[in-house]
C-alpha cells in the first residue's frame, strides 16, 4: 500500500466485508474528503450485516476512530465519541 507523506494527520477510511477480514483502505489529508468517502461507502455497502466501515484520524502514533458503521448501524460518532486504538 502506498502511504501519504506524514506532513500532518492522515484520515483513513477502512472497509471490510467481515470483521477481521481483508480491507479496502483509502487515505486523505483532507478530513472533509475522507468523510464524504465514508458516507459514500456506507451508502454503497452498509446494508450488508457483516460490513465494517471506519473513518479514523492518524496523528502522533495513534489512530482515533471518528466514525464507524457495523451491523447496519453507526457505532462511533464525534464529537466525544472517539475511541483511541494503538497502531
Protein backbone atom coordinates (compact mmCIF):
# COMPACT_ATOMS: atom_id res chain seq x y z
CA UNK A 1 0.00 0.00 0.00
CA UNK A 2 1.31 3.47 -0.87
CA UNK A 3 1.36 5.81 2.13
CA UNK A 4 0.80 9.55 2.09
CA UNK A 5 3.68 11.72 3.35
CA UNK A 6 3.41 12.29 7.11
CA UNK A 7 3.14 16.10 6.87
CA UNK A 8 0.17 16.12 9.24
CA UNK A 9 -2.76 13.99 10.30
CA UNK A 10 -4.00 11.37 7.84
CA UNK A 11 -7.67 10.41 7.60
CA UNK A 12 -8.19 6.76 6.73
CA UNK A 13 -11.39 5.02 5.67
CA UNK A 14 -11.26 1.22 6.03
CA UNK A 15 -13.93 -1.05 4.51
CA UNK A 16 -14.11 -4.71 5.49
CA UNK A 17 -16.74 -7.13 4.27
CA UNK A 18 -16.34 -9.07 7.53
CA UNK A 19 -14.74 -8.20 10.88
CA UNK A 20 -11.07 -9.11 10.75
CA UNK A 21 -11.19 -9.79 7.01
CA UNK A 22 -9.24 -8.16 4.18
CA UNK A 23 -9.72 -4.40 3.88
CA UNK A 24 -10.08 -1.75 1.21
CA UNK A 25 -8.37 1.39 2.54
CA UNK A 26 -8.43 5.00 1.36
CA UNK A 27 -6.25 7.75 2.85
CA UNK A 28 -6.73 11.52 2.65
CA UNK A 29 -5.09 14.52 4.26
CA UNK A 30 -8.36 16.46 3.93
CA UNK A 31 -10.80 15.20 6.57
CA UNK A 32 -13.84 16.51 4.66
CA UNK A 33 -12.95 14.36 1.65
CA UNK A 34 -12.48 11.32 3.90
CA UNK A 35 -15.91 11.92 5.49
CA UNK A 36 -17.55 12.08 2.06
CA UNK A 37 -15.87 8.78 1.16
CA UNK A 38 -17.06 7.20 4.43
CA UNK A 39 -20.65 8.32 3.75
CA UNK A 40 -20.44 7.08 0.15
CA UNK A 41 -19.11 3.67 1.25
CA UNK A 42 -21.84 3.37 3.88
CA UNK A 43 -24.40 4.12 1.15
CA UNK A 44 -22.90 1.56 -1.21
CA UNK A 45 -22.01 -1.28 1.19
CA UNK A 46 -23.60 -0.53 4.57
CA UNK A 47 -26.76 -2.60 4.09
CA UNK A 48 -24.76 -5.84 4.43
CA UNK A 49 -24.88 -7.16 8.02
CA UNK A 50 -21.18 -8.14 8.07
CA UNK A 51 -19.70 -4.92 6.62
CA UNK A 52 -17.47 -2.79 8.87
CA UNK A 53 -16.55 0.75 7.73
CA UNK A 54 -14.36 3.03 9.86
CA UNK A 55 -13.11 6.58 9.50
CA UNK A 56 -10.04 7.24 11.63
CA UNK A 57 -7.58 10.07 12.07
CA UNK A 58 -3.94 9.07 12.50
CA UNK A 59 -1.55 11.50 14.14
CA UNK A 60 1.28 11.27 16.62
CA UNK A 61 1.47 7.47 16.53
CA UNK A 62 -2.16 6.79 17.42
CA UNK A 63 -5.33 6.25 15.46
CA UNK A 64 -8.58 7.81 16.68
CA UNK A 65 -11.76 6.30 15.27
CA UNK A 66 -14.08 9.17 14.41
CA UNK A 67 -16.97 7.31 12.78
CA UNK A 68 -17.77 3.64 12.34
CA UNK A 69 -20.51 1.53 10.77
CA UNK A 70 -21.16 -2.06 11.87
CA UNK A 71 -24.21 -4.33 11.73
CA UNK A 72 -26.09 -1.79 9.57
CA UNK A 73 -25.74 0.99 12.20
CA UNK A 74 -23.33 3.77 13.18
CA UNK A 75 -21.36 2.84 16.32
CA UNK A 76 -18.91 5.73 16.86
CA UNK A 77 -19.68 9.36 16.16
CA UNK A 78 -17.82 12.53 17.00
CA UNK A 79 -17.64 14.74 18.99
CA UNK A 80 -16.70 12.98 22.21
CA UNK A 81 -17.26 9.52 20.77
CA UNK A 82 -13.69 8.88 19.74
CA UNK A 83 -12.02 5.58 20.60
CA UNK A 84 -8.24 5.53 20.62
CA UNK A 85 -6.65 2.46 19.02
CA UNK A 86 -2.88 1.87 19.20
CA UNK A 87 -1.15 1.47 15.84
